[in-house]
Amino acid sequence: MCYQTSMTQRPADVPPIDEWTALLLGKVAVITGGGDGIGAAIATMFAQHGATVEIAEIEGARLVAHAAT
């Protein structure tokens, strides 16, 4: 079974503040293995820079723990 969750994106009225935000604002990213480790770090960074992030994780407990942060 595969679990998934979403992280909400940065408000559209917030201007880009750096190169990453300019690249990711308004984009959608699908991160597999985003429950912990590198996948979780990338999912968090993308969401912080304005992307809508969909996370897929095989272990539901990891995903729930990451989504709560």
N, C-alpha and C. Protein backbone atom coordinates (compact mmCIF):
# COMPACT_ATOMS: atom_id res chain seq x y z
N MET A 1 0.84 -1.17 0.00
CA MET A 1 0.00 0.00 0.00
C MET A 1 0.89 1.24 0.00
N CYS A 2 0.47 2.24 -0.71
CA CYS A 2 1.22 3.49 -0.79
C CYS A 2 0.38 4.60 -0.18
N TYR A 3 0.97 5.40 0.64
CA TYR A 3 0.29 6.52 1.28
C TYR A 3 0.76 7.81 0.61
N GLN A 4 -0.09 8.81 0.61
CA GLN A 4 0.34 10.10 0.07
C GLN A 4 -0.30 11.24 0.83
N THR A 5 0.32 12.39 0.75
CA THR A 5 -0.20 13.59 1.39
C THR A 5 0.23 14.80 0.57
N SER A 6 -0.30 15.93 0.88
CA SER A 6 0.05 17.17 0.20
C SER A 6 0.57 18.19 1.19
N MET A 7 1.43 19.05 0.72
CA MET A 7 1.87 20.20 1.49
C MET A 7 1.38 21.42 0.71
N THR A 8 0.88 22.40 1.40
CA THR A 8 0.32 23.55 0.71
C THR A 8 1.41 24.49 0.24
N GLN A 9 1.08 25.24 -0.80
CA GLN A 9 2.08 26.14 -1.37
C GLN A 9 2.06 27.50 -0.73
N ARG A 10 3.07 28.23 -0.98
CA ARG A 10 3.26 29.58 -0.51
C ARG A 10 2.20 30.48 -1.18
N PRO A 11 1.67 31.47 -0.49
CA PRO A 11 0.68 32.36 -1.09
C PRO A 11 1.22 33.05 -2.35
N ALA A 12 0.35 33.18 -3.37
CA ALA A 12 0.77 33.73 -4.65
C ALA A 12 1.21 35.19 -4.56
N ASP A 13 0.73 35.91 -3.56
CA ASP A 13 1.09 37.33 -3.46
C ASP A 13 2.44 37.58 -2.80
N VAL A 14 3.12 36.52 -2.37
CA VAL A 14 4.44 36.67 -1.77
C VAL A 14 5.47 36.70 -2.90
N PRO A 15 6.22 37.77 -3.05
CA PRO A 15 7.15 37.87 -4.17
C PRO A 15 8.32 36.89 -4.04
N PRO A 16 8.86 36.43 -5.16
CA PRO A 16 10.04 35.56 -5.10
C PRO A 16 11.18 36.27 -4.38
N ILE A 17 11.83 35.53 -3.49
CA ILE A 17 12.90 36.15 -2.71
C ILE A 17 14.28 35.63 -3.09
N ASP A 18 14.31 34.56 -3.83
CA ASP A 18 15.60 34.02 -4.26
C ASP A 18 15.42 33.16 -5.50
N GLU A 19 16.51 32.62 -5.98
CA GLU A 19 16.50 31.84 -7.22
C GLU A 19 15.63 30.59 -7.11
N TRP A 20 15.69 29.89 -5.96
CA TRP A 20 14.88 28.67 -5.80
C TRP A 20 13.40 29.01 -5.80
N THR A 21 13.01 30.07 -5.12
CA THR A 21 11.61 30.46 -5.09
C THR A 21 11.14 30.83 -6.49
N ALA A 22 11.96 31.53 -7.24
CA ALA A 22 11.59 31.91 -8.60
C ALA A 22 11.36 30.67 -9.46
N LEU A 23 12.13 29.62 -9.23
CA LEU A 23 11.98 28.38 -10.00
C LEU A 23 10.78 27.55 -9.56
N LEU A 24 10.45 27.54 -8.27
CA LEU A 24 9.46 26.61 -7.73
C LEU A 24 8.09 27.20 -7.47
N LEU A 25 7.96 28.49 -7.36
CA LEU A 25 6.69 29.12 -7.01
C LEU A 25 5.62 28.75 -8.03
N GLY A 26 4.54 28.15 -7.55
CA GLY A 26 3.42 27.77 -8.40
C GLY A 26 3.57 26.44 -9.11
N LYS A 27 4.69 25.75 -8.94
CA LYS A 27 4.91 24.45 -9.58
C LYS A 27 4.38 23.34 -8.68
N VAL A 28 4.22 22.15 -9.25
CA VAL A 28 3.81 20.97 -8.50
C VAL A 28 4.94 19.96 -8.56
N ALA A 29 5.32 19.43 -7.41
CA ALA A 29 6.38 18.42 -7.34
C ALA A 29 5.83 17.16 -6.70
N VAL A 30 6.16 16.00 -7.28
CA VAL A 30 5.79 14.71 -6.70
C VAL A 30 7.08 14.10 -6.17
N ILE A 31 7.11 13.87 -4.87
CA ILE A 31 8.30 13.32 -4.20
C ILE A 31 7.99 11.91 -3.74
N THR A 32 8.73 10.92 -4.22
CA THR A 32 8.56 9.56 -3.73
C THR A 32 9.59 9.32 -2.64
N GLY A 33 9.20 8.56 -1.62
CA GLY A 33 10.10 8.32 -0.50
C GLY A 33 10.29 9.57 0.33
N GLY A 34 9.24 10.39 0.42
CA GLY A 34 9.36 11.66 1.11
C GLY A 34 9.07 11.62 2.59
N GLY A 35 8.97 10.44 3.17
CA GLY A 35 8.66 10.32 4.59
C GLY A 35 9.81 10.63 5.51
N ASP A 36 11.04 10.44 5.04
CA ASP A 36 12.20 10.77 5.86
C ASP A 36 13.44 10.92 4.99
N GLY A 37 14.53 11.29 5.58
CA GLY A 37 15.80 11.40 4.88
C GLY A 37 15.82 12.49 3.82
N ILE A 38 16.50 12.19 2.71
CA ILE A 38 16.65 13.16 1.64
C ILE A 38 15.31 13.54 1.03
N GLY A 39 14.42 12.56 0.85
CA GLY A 39 13.10 12.86 0.28
C GLY A 39 12.33 13.86 1.12
N ALA A 40 12.37 13.69 2.44
CA ALA A 40 11.67 14.62 3.33
C ALA A 40 12.30 16.01 3.29
N ALA A 41 13.62 16.06 3.23
CA ALA A 41 14.31 17.35 3.16
C ALA A 41 13.97 18.09 1.87
N ILE A 42 13.95 17.37 0.76
CA ILE A 42 13.62 17.98 -0.53
C ILE A 42 12.16 18.45 -0.53
N ALA A 43 11.25 17.61 -0.01
CA ALA A 43 9.83 17.99 0.03
C ALA A 43 9.64 19.26 0.86
N THR A 44 10.30 19.35 1.99
CA THR A 44 10.20 20.53 2.84
C THR A 44 10.76 21.77 2.15
N MET A 45 11.93 21.62 1.52
CA MET A 45 12.54 22.76 0.84
C MET A 45 11.66 23.25 -0.32
N PHE A 46 11.14 22.32 -1.12
CA PHE A 46 10.28 22.71 -2.23
C PHE A 46 9.04 23.45 -1.73
N ALA A 47 8.42 22.95 -0.66
CA ALA A 47 7.23 23.61 -0.11
C ALA A 47 7.57 24.99 0.44
N GLN A 48 8.70 25.13 1.09
CA GLN A 48 9.12 26.42 1.63
C GLN A 48 9.35 27.45 0.54
N HIS A 49 9.68 26.98 -0.66
CA HIS A 49 9.95 27.88 -1.77
C HIS A 49 8.77 28.00 -2.73
N GLY A 50 7.58 27.58 -2.28
CA GLY A 50 6.38 27.88 -3.03
C GLY A 50 5.79 26.79 -3.88
N ALA A 51 6.40 25.62 -3.94
CA ALA A 51 5.84 24.54 -4.74
C ALA A 51 4.73 23.83 -3.97
N THR A 52 3.76 23.30 -4.70
CA THR A 52 2.79 22.39 -4.10
C THR A 52 3.44 21.02 -4.16
N VAL A 53 3.53 20.34 -3.03
CA VAL A 53 4.27 19.09 -2.96
C VAL A 53 3.33 17.94 -2.65
N GLU A 54 3.38 16.91 -3.48
CA GLU A 54 2.69 15.65 -3.24
C GLU A 54 3.76 14.65 -2.82
N ILE A 55 3.54 14.01 -1.67
CA ILE A 55 4.54 13.07 -1.14
C ILE A 55 3.95 11.66 -1.17
N ALA A 56 4.69 10.72 -1.73
CA ALA A 56 4.31 9.31 -1.71
C ALA A 56 5.32 8.56 -0.85
N GLU A 57 4.81 7.71 0.03
CA GLU A 57 5.68 6.96 0.95
C GLU A 57 5.05 5.60 1.19
N ILE A 58 5.86 4.57 1.19
CA ILE A 58 5.36 3.22 1.39
C ILE A 58 5.02 2.95 2.85
N GLU A 59 5.71 3.61 3.76
CA GLU A 59 5.45 3.45 5.20
C GLU A 59 4.64 4.63 5.70
N GLY A 60 3.37 4.40 5.96
CA GLY A 60 2.45 5.46 6.35
C GLY A 60 2.87 6.23 7.60
N ALA A 61 3.48 5.54 8.58
CA ALA A 61 3.88 6.20 9.82
C ALA A 61 4.92 7.29 9.56
N ARG A 62 5.84 7.03 8.65
CA ARG A 62 6.86 8.02 8.31
C ARG A 62 6.22 9.26 7.69
N LEU A 63 5.26 9.01 6.81
CA LEU A 63 4.60 10.11 6.12
C LEU A 63 3.81 10.96 7.10
N VAL A 64 3.07 10.32 7.99
CA VAL A 64 2.29 11.06 8.99
C VAL A 64 3.22 11.89 9.87
N ALA A 65 4.34 11.32 10.26
CA ALA A 65 5.29 12.05 11.10
C ALA A 65 5.86 13.26 10.36
N HIS A 66 6.18 13.10 9.09
CA HIS A 66 6.74 14.22 8.31
C HIS A 66 5.69 15.28 8.03
N ALA A 67 4.50 14.87 7.69
CA ALA A 67 3.43 15.83 7.37
C ALA A 67 3.06 16.68 8.58
N ALA A 68 3.26 16.14 9.78
CA ALA A 68 2.92 16.87 11.01
C ALA A 68 3.95 17.96 11.32
N THR A 69 5.12 17.91 10.69
CA THR A 69 6.15 18.91 10.99
C THR A 69 6.01 20.15 10.16
